Structure formats: C-alpha cells, structure tokens
Amino acid sequence: MFGLNYPLADLVVSMAYLALIVFWLMLAFHVMGDLFRSHDLSGGAKALWVLFILILPLAGTLIYLIARGSSMHERDQRTGRDQQRALDDYIRAIAHSKE
C-alpha cells in the first residue's frame, strides 16, 4: 500500500496460514484414525475414502466430516470404553497375581 512494507502484517498473515495448515493436518489425522477405527466400513470403502482424501485433501476431509462426522464421537467413546475395560482387566490380573 503506497509502496510501504509492513513486515509485521506479513508475519501475522504467515502465522495465520501456518495455524490453518496445522489445524488441517490435525483434522486429517483425526479423520484417518476414525476411518481405520470404523468397523462398519469394508476394506474397499476405507480404501476409497483414503484415495479421496489423498487426491482432494481439503474437500475429502470436509466431505468425510459431513458424511460420517456424526458417528465419530460414538466411535471415540467406544474406543475409550474398550481401552478403560482392558486397563481395568490388566490391573485386576496383576493385583490377583500379587496375592
């Protein structure tokens, strides 16, 4: 603007872009984890989702969230319950073996 440089503004814009990229990467890894944790999809359907996300990363991730995002929370809860149950069983087994 009028031949003036604003290095601080450039830094702020660069940091905003970096934050968006990091946010998208976190979202993409969460979607991939949910995709492979899902038991209601066949292997072929999972492969198609992975290809779609790899070919069109932003659109594929957003479409996955729209199509299957409502059940992501349920799969997260189920995984948490299963992990807690396994930990409780392990602790009980160790406690009984020490007696």
PDB file of N, CA and C in Angstrom:
ATOM      1  N   MET A   1       0.848  -1.171   0.000  1.00  0.00           N
ATOM      2  CA  MET A   1       0.000   0.000   0.000  1.00  0.00           C
ATOM      3  C   MET A   1       0.890   1.230   0.000  1.00  0.00           C
ATOM      4  N   PHE A   2       0.814   2.016  -1.016  1.00  0.00           N
ATOM      5  CA  PHE A   2       1.597   3.246  -1.188  1.00  0.00           C
ATOM      6  C   PHE A   2       3.089   2.989  -1.130  1.00  0.00           C
ATOM      7  N   GLY A   3       3.525   1.774  -1.503  1.00  0.00           N
ATOM      8  CA  GLY A   3       4.941   1.472  -1.558  1.00  0.00           C
ATOM      9  C   GLY A   3       5.573   1.198  -0.210  1.00  0.00           C
ATOM     10  N   LEU A   4       4.784   1.085   0.838  1.00  0.00           N
ATOM     11  CA  LEU A   4       5.324   0.826   2.161  1.00  0.00           C
ATOM     12  C   LEU A   4       5.290  -0.665   2.453  1.00  0.00           C
ATOM     13  N   ASN A   5       6.272  -1.124   3.185  1.00  0.00           N
ATOM     14  CA  ASN A   5       6.315  -2.525   3.607  1.00  0.00           C
ATOM     15  C   ASN A   5       5.833  -2.635   5.039  1.00  0.00           C
ATOM     16  N   TYR A   6       5.074  -3.663   5.300  1.00  0.00           N
ATOM     17  CA  TYR A   6       4.602  -3.923   6.647  1.00  0.00           C
ATOM     18  C   TYR A   6       5.034  -5.328   7.048  1.00  0.00           C
ATOM     19  N   PRO A   7       6.260  -5.476   7.534  1.00  0.00           N
ATOM     20  CA  PRO A   7       6.740  -6.818   7.854  1.00  0.00           C
ATOM     21  C   PRO A   7       5.956  -7.489   8.976  1.00  0.00           C
ATOM     22  N   LEU A   8       5.430  -6.719   9.910  1.00  0.00           N
ATOM     23  CA  LEU A   8       4.655  -7.317  10.991  1.00  0.00           C
ATOM     24  C   LEU A   8       3.344  -7.897  10.456  1.00  0.00           C
ATOM     25  N   ALA A   9       2.722  -7.206   9.517  1.00  0.00           N
ATOM     26  CA  ALA A   9       1.497  -7.725   8.908  1.00  0.00           C
ATOM     27  C   ALA A   9       1.782  -8.995   8.121  1.00  0.00           C
ATOM     28  N   ASP A  10       2.911  -9.025   7.422  1.00  0.00           N
ATOM     29  CA  ASP A  10       3.299 -10.240   6.705  1.00  0.00           C
ATOM     30  C   ASP A  10       3.504 -11.404   7.673  1.00  0.00           C
ATOM     31  N   LEU A  11       4.101 -11.113   8.819  1.00  0.00           N
ATOM     32  CA  LEU A  11       4.313 -12.140   9.827  1.00  0.00           C
ATOM     33  C   LEU A  11       2.976 -12.664  10.360  1.00  0.00           C
ATOM     34  N   VAL A  12       2.034 -11.766  10.616  1.00  0.00           N
ATOM     35  CA  VAL A  12       0.730 -12.175  11.129  1.00  0.00           C
ATOM     36  C   VAL A  12       0.009 -13.048  10.098  1.00  0.00           C
ATOM     37  N   VAL A  13       0.060 -12.665   8.839  1.00  0.00           N
ATOM     38  CA  VAL A  13      -0.597 -13.454   7.791  1.00  0.00           C
ATOM     39  C   VAL A  13       0.078 -14.820   7.666  1.00  0.00           C
ATOM     40  N   SER A  14       1.397 -14.845   7.716  1.00  0.00           N
ATOM     41  CA  SER A  14       2.120 -16.118   7.639  1.00  0.00           C
ATOM     42  C   SER A  14       1.773 -17.021   8.819  1.00  0.00           C
ATOM     43  N   MET A  15       1.668 -16.447  10.005  1.00  0.00           N
ATOM     44  CA  MET A  15       1.309 -17.241  11.181  1.00  0.00           C
ATOM     45  C   MET A  15      -0.128 -17.766  11.065  1.00  0.00           C
ATOM     46  N   ALA A  16      -1.027 -16.975  10.487  1.00  0.00           N
ATOM     47  CA  ALA A  16      -2.403 -17.435  10.294  1.00  0.00           C
ATOM     48  C   ALA A  16      -2.433 -18.611   9.319  1.00  0.00           C
ATOM     49  N   TYR A  17      -1.676 -18.509   8.228  1.00  0.00           N
ATOM     50  CA  TYR A  17      -1.595 -19.622   7.281  1.00  0.00           C
ATOM     51  C   TYR A  17      -1.016 -20.866   7.945  1.00  0.00           C
ATOM     52  N   LEU A  18       0.018 -20.687   8.731  1.00  0.00           N
ATOM     53  CA  LEU A  18       0.630 -21.812   9.430  1.00  0.00           C
ATOM     54  C   LEU A  18      -0.366 -22.454  10.393  1.00  0.00           C
ATOM     55  N   ALA A  19      -1.123 -21.641  11.115  1.00  0.00           N
ATOM     56  CA  ALA A  19      -2.119 -22.170  12.040  1.00  0.00           C
ATOM     57  C   ALA A  19      -3.191 -22.961  11.279  1.00  0.00           C
ATOM     58  N   LEU A  20      -3.622 -22.466  10.132  1.00  0.00           N
ATOM     59  CA  LEU A  20      -4.613 -23.185   9.329  1.00  0.00           C
ATOM     60  C   LEU A  20      -4.073 -24.519   8.817  1.00  0.00           C
ATOM     61  N   ILE A  21      -2.821 -24.531   8.406  1.00  0.00           N
ATOM     62  CA  ILE A  21      -2.209 -25.773   7.925  1.00  0.00           C
ATOM     63  C   ILE A  21      -2.095 -26.788   9.059  1.00  0.00           C
ATOM     64  N   VAL A  22      -1.669 -26.336  10.229  1.00  0.00           N
ATOM     65  CA  VAL A  22      -1.554 -27.238  11.381  1.00  0.00           C
ATOM     66  C   VAL A  22      -2.930 -27.764  11.778  1.00  0.00           C
ATOM     67  N   PHE A  23      -3.942 -26.889  11.790  1.00  0.00           N
ATOM     68  CA  PHE A  23      -5.305 -27.313  12.106  1.00  0.00           C
ATOM     69  C   PHE A  23      -5.787 -28.360  11.108  1.00  0.00           C
ATOM     70  N   TRP A  24      -5.530 -28.118   9.816  1.00  0.00           N
ATOM     71  CA  TRP A  24      -5.977 -29.073   8.811  1.00  0.00           C
ATOM     72  C   TRP A  24      -5.260 -30.419   8.967  1.00  0.00           C
ATOM     73  N   LEU A  25      -3.957 -30.398   9.248  1.00  0.00           N
ATOM     74  CA  LEU A  25      -3.219 -31.650   9.447  1.00  0.00           C
ATOM     75  C   LEU A  25      -3.762 -32.434  10.636  1.00  0.00           C
ATOM     76  N   MET A  26      -4.070 -31.728  11.723  1.00  0.00           N
ATOM     77  CA  MET A  26      -4.640 -32.407  12.881  1.00  0.00           C
ATOM     78  C   MET A  26      -5.988 -33.028  12.525  1.00  0.00           C
ATOM     79  N   LEU A  27      -6.788 -32.290  11.790  1.00  0.00           N
ATOM     80  CA  LEU A  27      -8.091 -32.787  11.372  1.00  0.00           C
ATOM     81  C   LEU A  27      -7.945 -33.985  10.436  1.00  0.00           C
ATOM     82  N   ALA A  28      -7.012 -33.913   9.501  1.00  0.00           N
ATOM     83  CA  ALA A  28      -6.808 -35.012   8.559  1.00  0.00           C
ATOM     84  C   ALA A  28      -6.348 -36.279   9.287  1.00  0.00           C
ATOM     85  N   PHE A  29      -5.445 -36.154  10.258  1.00  0.00           N
ATOM     86  CA  PHE A  29      -5.001 -37.327  11.014  1.00  0.00           C
ATOM     87  C   PHE A  29      -6.133 -37.885  11.869  1.00  0.00           C
ATOM     88  N   HIS A  30      -6.962 -37.018  12.421  1.00  0.00           N
ATOM     89  CA  HIS A  30      -8.100 -37.492  13.211  1.00  0.00           C
ATOM     90  C   HIS A  30      -9.095 -38.230  12.316  1.00  0.00           C
ATOM     91  N   VAL A  31      -9.333 -37.705  11.126  1.00  0.00           N
ATOM     92  CA  VAL A  31     -10.250 -38.363  10.183  1.00  0.00           C
ATOM     93  C   VAL A  31      -9.685 -39.715   9.762  1.00  0.00           C
ATOM     94  N   MET A  32      -8.395 -39.777   9.464  1.00  0.00           N
ATOM     95  CA  MET A  32      -7.784 -41.054   9.078  1.00  0.00           C
ATOM     96  C   MET A  32      -7.866 -42.070  10.215  1.00  0.00           C
ATOM     97  N   GLY A  33      -7.618 -41.629  11.439  1.00  0.00           N
ATOM     98  CA  GLY A  33      -7.728 -42.529  12.579  1.00  0.00           C
ATOM     99  C   GLY A  33      -9.146 -43.042  12.748  1.00  0.00           C
ATOM    100  N   ASP A  34     -10.116 -42.148  12.596  1.00  0.00           N
ATOM    101  CA  ASP A  34     -11.509 -42.555  12.697  1.00  0.00           C
ATOM    102  C   ASP A  34     -11.880 -43.511  11.570  1.00  0.00           C
ATOM    103  N   LEU A  35     -11.361 -43.249  10.398  1.00  0.00           N
ATOM    104  CA  LEU A  35     -11.659 -44.094   9.246  1.00  0.00           C
ATOM    105  C   LEU A  35     -11.189 -45.524   9.475  1.00  0.00           C
ATOM    106  N   PHE A  36      -9.977 -45.698   9.985  1.00  0.00           N
ATOM    107  CA  PHE A  36      -9.458 -47.047  10.203  1.00  0.00           C
ATOM    108  C   PHE A  36     -10.028 -47.692  11.460  1.00  0.00           C
ATOM    109  N   ARG A  37     -10.559 -46.905  12.383  1.00  0.00           N
ATOM    110  CA  ARG A  37     -11.169 -47.440  13.594  1.00  0.00           C
ATOM    111  C   ARG A  37     -12.603 -47.898  13.343  1.00  0.00           C
ATOM    112  N   SER A  38     -13.198 -47.444  12.255  1.00  0.00           N
ATOM    113  CA  SER A  38     -14.595 -47.729  11.947  1.00  0.00           C
ATOM    114  C   SER A  38     -14.766 -49.186  11.534  1.00  0.00           C
ATOM    115  N   HIS A  39     -15.667 -49.883  12.205  1.00  0.00           N
ATOM    116  CA  HIS A  39     -15.916 -51.290  11.899  1.00  0.00           C
ATOM    117  C   HIS A  39     -17.072 -51.475  10.926  1.00  0.00           C
ATOM    118  N   ASP A  40     -17.818 -50.424  10.662  1.00  0.00           N
ATOM    119  CA  ASP A  40     -18.976 -50.560   9.782  1.00  0.00           C
ATOM    120  C   ASP A  40     -18.640 -50.338   8.307  1.00  0.00           C
ATOM    121  N   LEU A  41     -17.400 -50.007   7.994  1.00  0.00           N
ATOM    122  CA  LEU A  41     -16.963 -49.852   6.600  1.00  0.00           C
ATOM    123  C   LEU A  41     -16.143 -51.058   6.176  1.00  0.00           C
ATOM    124  N   SER A  42     -16.303 -51.453   4.920  1.00  0.00           N
ATOM    125  CA  SER A  42     -15.486 -52.548   4.396  1.00  0.00           C
ATOM    126  C   SER A  42     -14.100 -52.015   4.029  1.00  0.00           C
ATOM    127  N   GLY A  43     -13.211 -52.915   3.736  1.00  0.00           N
ATOM    128  CA  GLY A  43     -11.855 -52.518   3.351  1.00  0.00           C
ATOM    129  C   GLY A  43     -11.837 -51.697   2.075  1.00  0.00           C
ATOM    130  N   GLY A  44     -12.690 -52.055   1.117  1.00  0.00           N
ATOM    131  CA  GLY A  44     -12.758 -51.307  -0.134  1.00  0.00           C
ATOM    132  C   GLY A  44     -13.259 -49.895   0.074  1.00  0.00           C
ATOM    133  N   ALA A  45     -14.269 -49.749   0.941  1.00  0.00           N
ATOM    134  CA  ALA A  45     -14.801 -48.413   1.228  1.00  0.00           C
ATOM    135  C   ALA A  45     -13.752 -47.561   1.928  1.00  0.00           C
ATOM    136  N   LYS A  46     -12.993 -48.164   2.830  1.00  0.00           N
ATOM    137  CA  LYS A  46     -11.925 -47.424   3.508  1.00  0.00           C
ATOM    138  C   LYS A  46     -10.860 -46.987   2.506  1.00  0.00           C
ATOM    139  N   ALA A  47     -10.510 -47.878   1.574  1.00  0.00           N
ATOM    140  CA  ALA A  47      -9.511 -47.536   0.553  1.00  0.00           C
ATOM    141  C   ALA A  47     -10.002 -46.393  -0.327  1.00  0.00           C
ATOM    142  N   LEU A  48     -11.280 -46.405  -0.680  1.00  0.00           N
ATOM    143  CA  LEU A  48     -11.824 -45.316  -1.492  1.00  0.00           C
ATOM    144  C   LEU A  48     -11.798 -43.990  -0.731  1.00  0.00           C
ATOM    145  N   TRP A  49     -12.141 -44.011   0.552  1.00  0.00           N
ATOM    146  CA  TRP A  49     -12.074 -42.793   1.349  1.00  0.00           C
ATOM    147  C   TRP A  49     -10.633 -42.277   1.430  1.00  0.00           C
ATOM    148  N   VAL A  50      -9.686 -43.182   1.644  1.00  0.00           N
ATOM    149  CA  VAL A  50      -8.282 -42.765   1.725  1.00  0.00           C
ATOM    150  C   VAL A  50      -7.835 -42.150   0.402  1.00  0.00           C
ATOM    151  N   LEU A  51      -8.170 -42.787  -0.712  1.00  0.00           N
ATOM    152  CA  LEU A  51      -7.815 -42.220  -2.017  1.00  0.00           C
ATOM    153  C   LEU A  51      -8.452 -40.853  -2.224  1.00  0.00           C
ATOM    154  N   PHE A  52      -9.706 -40.725  -1.843  1.00  0.00           N
ATOM    155  CA  PHE A  52     -10.404 -39.454  -1.989  1.00  0.00           C
ATOM    156  C   PHE A  52      -9.738 -38.364  -1.150  1.00  0.00           C
ATOM    157  N   ILE A  53      -9.352 -38.723   0.066  1.00  0.00           N
ATOM    158  CA  ILE A  53      -8.700 -37.739   0.941  1.00  0.00           C
ATOM    159  C   ILE A  53      -7.303 -37.398   0.424  1.00  0.00           C
ATOM    160  N   LEU A  54      -6.598 -38.365  -0.157  1.00  0.00           N
ATOM    161  CA  LEU A  54      -5.264 -38.093  -0.686  1.00  0.00           C
ATOM    162  C   LEU A  54      -5.309 -37.293  -1.987  1.00  0.00           C
ATOM    163  N   ILE A  55      -6.313 -37.539  -2.816  1.00  0.00           N
ATOM    164  CA  ILE A  55      -6.409 -36.830  -4.099  1.00  0.00           C
ATOM    165  C   ILE A  55      -6.920 -35.405  -3.895  1.00  0.00           C
ATOM    166  N   LEU A  56      -7.985 -35.261  -3.118  1.00  0.00           N
ATOM    167  CA  LEU A  56      -8.552 -33.940  -2.815  1.00  0.00           C
ATOM    168  C   LEU A  56      -8.542 -33.751  -1.298  1.00  0.00           C
ATOM    169  N   PRO A  57      -7.407 -33.357  -0.729  1.00  0.00           N
ATOM    170  CA  PRO A  57      -7.262 -33.379   0.729  1.00  0.00           C
ATOM    171  C   PRO A  57      -8.305 -32.544   1.487  1.00  0.00           C
ATOM    172  N   LEU A  58      -8.455 -31.297   1.147  1.00  0.00           N
ATOM    173  CA  LEU A  58      -9.381 -30.452   1.903  1.00  0.00           C
ATOM    174  C   LEU A  58     -10.820 -30.866   1.664  1.00  0.00           C
ATOM    175  N   ALA A  59     -11.187 -31.057   0.415  1.00  0.00           N
ATOM    176  CA  ALA A  59     -12.560 -31.445   0.095  1.00  0.00           C
ATOM    177  C   ALA A  59     -12.868 -32.833   0.651  1.00  0.00           C
ATOM    178  N   GLY A  60     -11.943 -33.771   0.528  1.00  0.00           N
ATOM    179  CA  GLY A  60     -12.173 -35.123   1.031  1.00  0.00           C
ATOM    180  C   GLY A  60     -12.375 -35.147   2.528  1.00  0.00           C
ATOM    181  N   THR A  61     -11.565 -34.380   3.249  1.00  0.00           N
ATOM    182  CA  THR A  61     -11.693 -34.327   4.700  1.00  0.00           C
ATOM    183  C   THR A  61     -13.027 -33.705   5.104  1.00  0.00           C
ATOM    184  N   LEU A  62     -13.391 -32.610   4.457  1.00  0.00           N
ATOM    185  CA  LEU A  62     -14.652 -31.949   4.792  1.00  0.00           C
ATOM    186  C   LEU A  62     -15.854 -32.812   4.435  1.00  0.00           C
ATOM    187  N   ILE A  63     -15.805 -33.494   3.305  1.00  0.00           N
ATOM    188  CA  ILE A  63     -16.916 -34.361   2.914  1.00  0.00           C
ATOM    189  C   ILE A  63     -17.024 -35.548   3.877  1.00  0.00           C
ATOM    190  N   TYR A  64     -15.885 -36.082   4.317  1.00  0.00           N
ATOM    191  CA  TYR A  64     -15.925 -37.158   5.310  1.00  0.00           C
ATOM    192  C   TYR A  64     -16.596 -36.670   6.593  1.00  0.00           C
ATOM    193  N   LEU A  65     -16.243 -35.465   7.023  1.00  0.00           N
ATOM    194  CA  LEU A  65     -16.851 -34.927   8.239  1.00  0.00           C
ATOM    195  C   LEU A  65     -18.352 -34.735   8.078  1.00  0.00           C
ATOM    196  N   ILE A  66     -18.786 -34.308   6.902  1.00  0.00           N
ATOM    197  CA  ILE A  66     -20.211 -34.126   6.666  1.00  0.00           C
ATOM    198  C   ILE A  66     -20.919 -35.478   6.602  1.00  0.00           C
ATOM    199  N   ALA A  67     -20.323 -36.436   5.895  1.00  0.00           N
ATOM    200  CA  ALA A  67     -20.967 -37.729   5.686  1.00  0.00           C
ATOM    201  C   ALA A  67     -20.937 -38.614   6.936  1.00  0.00           C
ATOM    202  N   ARG A  68     -19.819 -38.646   7.643  1.00  0.00           N
ATOM    203  CA  ARG A  68     -19.666 -39.600   8.742  1.00  0.00           C
ATOM    204  C   ARG A  68     -19.289 -38.948  10.061  1.00  0.00           C
ATOM    205  N   GLY A  69     -19.302 -37.628  10.111  1.00  0.00           N
ATOM    206  CA  GLY A  69     -18.870 -36.927  11.319  1.00  0.00           C
ATOM    207  C   GLY A  69     -19.763 -37.133  12.520  1.00  0.00           C
ATOM    208  N   SER A  70     -21.040 -37.380  12.278  1.00  0.00           N
ATOM    209  CA  SER A  70     -21.961 -37.528  13.411  1.00  0.00           C
ATOM    210  C   SER A  70     -21.660 -38.769  14.241  1.00  0.00           C
ATOM    211  N   SER A  71     -21.100 -39.793  13.634  1.00  0.00           N
ATOM    212  CA  SER A  71     -20.814 -41.022  14.377  1.00  0.00           C
ATOM    213  C   SER A  71     -19.360 -41.100  14.857  1.00  0.00           C
ATOM    214  N   MET A  72     -18.555 -40.089  14.565  1.00  0.00           N
ATOM    215  CA  MET A  72     -17.163 -40.098  15.022  1.00  0.00           C
ATOM    216  C   MET A  72     -17.089 -40.104  16.547  1.00  0.00           C
ATOM    217  N   HIS A  73     -17.945 -39.335  17.183  1.00  0.00           N
ATOM    218  CA  HIS A  73     -17.942 -39.250  18.643  1.00  0.00           C
ATOM    219  C   HIS A  73     -18.279 -40.601  19.269  1.00  0.00           C
ATOM    220  N   GLU A  74     -19.225 -41.302  18.669  1.00  0.00           N
ATOM    221  CA  GLU A  74     -19.601 -42.620  19.193  1.00  0.00           C
ATOM    222  C   GLU A  74     -18.441 -43.600  19.097  1.00  0.00           C
ATOM    223  N   ARG A  75     -17.700 -43.565  17.984  1.00  0.00           N
ATOM    224  CA  ARG A  75     -16.548 -44.459  17.845  1.00  0.00           C
ATOM    225  C   ARG A  75     -15.447 -44.078  18.836  1.00  0.00           C
ATOM    226  N   ASP A  76     -15.256 -42.780  19.083  1.00  0.00           N
ATOM    227  CA  ASP A  76     -14.275 -42.350  20.080  1.00  0.00           C
ATOM    228  C   ASP A  76     -14.655 -42.846  21.470  1.00  0.00           C
ATOM    229  N   GLN A  77     -15.930 -42.731  21.817  1.00  0.00           N
ATOM    230  CA  GLN A  77     -16.378 -43.204  23.123  1.00  0.00           C
ATOM    231  C   GLN A  77     -16.215 -44.714  23.257  1.00  0.00           C
ATOM    232  N   ARG A  78     -16.562 -45.450  22.210  1.00  0.00           N
ATOM    233  CA  ARG A  78     -16.441 -46.909  22.253  1.00  0.00           C
ATOM    234  C   ARG A  78     -14.976 -47.308  22.436  1.00  0.00           C
ATOM    235  N   THR A  79     -14.082 -46.651  21.731  1.00  0.00           N
ATOM    236  CA  THR A  79     -12.660 -46.952  21.865  1.00  0.00           C
ATOM    237  C   THR A  79     -12.171 -46.641  23.273  1.00  0.00           C
ATOM    238  N   GLY A  80     -12.619 -45.524  23.827  1.00  0.00           N
ATOM    239  CA  GLY A  80     -12.232 -45.164  25.191  1.00  0.00           C
ATOM    240  C   GLY A  80     -12.725 -46.171  26.210  1.00  0.00           C
ATOM    241  N   ARG A  81     -13.977 -46.610  26.048  1.00  0.00           N
ATOM    242  CA  ARG A  81     -14.523 -47.618  26.964  1.00  0.00           C
ATOM    243  C   ARG A  81     -13.761 -48.935  26.847  1.00  0.00           C
ATOM    244  N   ASP A  82     -13.443 -49.333  25.625  1.00  0.00           N
ATOM    245  CA  ASP A  82     -12.697 -50.585  25.429  1.00  0.00           C
ATOM    246  C   ASP A  82     -11.306 -50.501  26.053  1.00  0.00           C
ATOM    247  N   GLN A  83     -10.647 -49.373  25.895  1.00  0.00           N
ATOM    248  CA  GLN A  83      -9.313 -49.201  26.477  1.00  0.00           C
ATOM    249  C   GLN A  83      -9.381 -49.188  27.998  1.00  0.00           C
ATOM    250  N   GLN A  84     -10.399 -48.519  28.549  1.00  0.00           N
ATOM    251  CA  GLN A  84     -10.551 -48.495  30.007  1.00  0.00           C
ATOM    252  C   GLN A  84     -10.839 -49.885  30.545  1.00  0.00           C
ATOM    253  N   ARG A  85     -11.683 -50.637  29.847  1.00  0.00           N
ATOM    254  CA  ARG A  85     -12.008 -52.005  30.267  1.00  0.00           C
ATOM    255  C   ARG A  85     -10.748 -52.879  30.228  1.00  0.00           C
ATOM    256  N   ALA A  86      -9.937 -52.733  29.181  1.00  0.00           N
ATOM    257  CA  ALA A  86      -8.699 -53.519  29.080  1.00  0.00           C
ATOM    258  C   ALA A  86      -7.732 -53.149  30.208  1.00  0.00           C
ATOM    259  N   LEU A  87      -7.639 -51.865  30.535  1.00  0.00           N
ATOM    260  CA  LEU A  87      -6.766 -51.436  31.626  1.00  0.00           C
ATOM    261  C   LEU A  87      -7.258 -51.988  32.957  1.00  0.00           C
ATOM    262  N   ASP A  88      -8.563 -51.910  33.190  1.00  0.00           N
ATOM    263  CA  ASP A  88      -9.121 -52.446  34.432  1.00  0.00           C
ATOM    264  C   ASP A  88      -8.871 -53.945  34.552  1.00  0.00           C
ATOM    265  N   ASP A  89      -9.049 -54.674  33.464  1.00  0.00           N
ATOM    266  CA  ASP A  89      -8.788 -56.117  33.476  1.00  0.00           C
ATOM    267  C   ASP A  89      -7.317 -56.408  33.761  1.00  0.00           C
ATOM    268  N   TYR A  90      -6.437 -55.626  33.170  1.00  0.00           N
ATOM    269  CA  TYR A  90      -4.998 -55.813  33.396  1.00  0.00           C
ATOM    270  C   TYR A  90      -4.642 -55.552  34.859  1.00  0.00           C
ATOM    271  N   ILE A  91      -5.193 -54.474  35.407  1.00  0.00           N
ATOM    272  CA  ILE A  91      -4.893 -54.137  36.805  1.00  0.00           C
ATOM    273  C   ILE A  91      -5.423 -55.222  37.732  1.00  0.00           C
ATOM    274  N   ARG A  92      -6.626 -55.729  37.466  1.00  0.00           N
ATOM    275  CA  ARG A  92      -7.173 -56.817  38.285  1.00  0.00           C
ATOM    276  C   ARG A  92      -6.303 -58.071  38.200  1.00  0.00           C
ATOM    277  N   ALA A  93      -5.841 -58.382  36.992  1.00  0.00           N
ATOM    278  CA  ALA A  93      -5.000 -59.579  36.818  1.00  0.00           C
ATOM    279  C   ALA A  93      -3.680 -59.426  37.561  1.00  0.00           C
ATOM    280  N   ILE A  94      -3.092 -58.263  37.514  1.00  0.00           N
ATOM    281  CA  ILE A  94      -1.822 -58.026  38.233  1.00  0.00           C
ATOM    282  C   ILE A  94      -2.046 -58.057  39.732  1.00  0.00           C
ATOM    283  N   ALA A  95      -3.141 -57.452  40.188  1.00  0.00           N
ATOM    284  CA  ALA A  95      -3.428 -57.411  41.617  1.00  0.00           C
ATOM    285  C   ALA A  95      -3.674 -58.824  42.161  1.00  0.00           C
ATOM    286  N   HIS A  96      -4.371 -59.658  41.408  1.00  0.00           N
ATOM    287  CA  HIS A  96      -4.635 -61.019  41.888  1.00  0.00           C
ATOM    288  C   HIS A  96      -3.391 -61.892  41.819  1.00  0.00           C
ATOM    289  N   SER A  97      -2.473 -61.612  40.920  1.00  0.00           N
ATOM    290  CA  SER A  97      -1.263 -62.419  40.841  1.00  0.00           C
ATOM    291  C   SER A  97      -0.291 -62.094  41.981  1.00  0.00           C
ATOM    292  N   LYS A  98      -0.427 -60.896  42.574  1.00  0.00           N
ATOM    293  CA  LYS A  98       0.474 -60.499  43.674  1.00  0.00           C
ATOM    294  C   LYS A  98       0.012 -61.087  45.016  1.00  0.00           C
ATOM    295  N   GLU A  99      -1.229 -61.527  45.084  1.00  0.00           N
ATOM    296  CA  GLU A  99      -1.765 -62.027  46.357  1.00  0.00           C
ATOM    297  C   GLU A  99      -1.265 -63.376  46.710  1.00  0.00           C
TER     298      GLU A  99
END
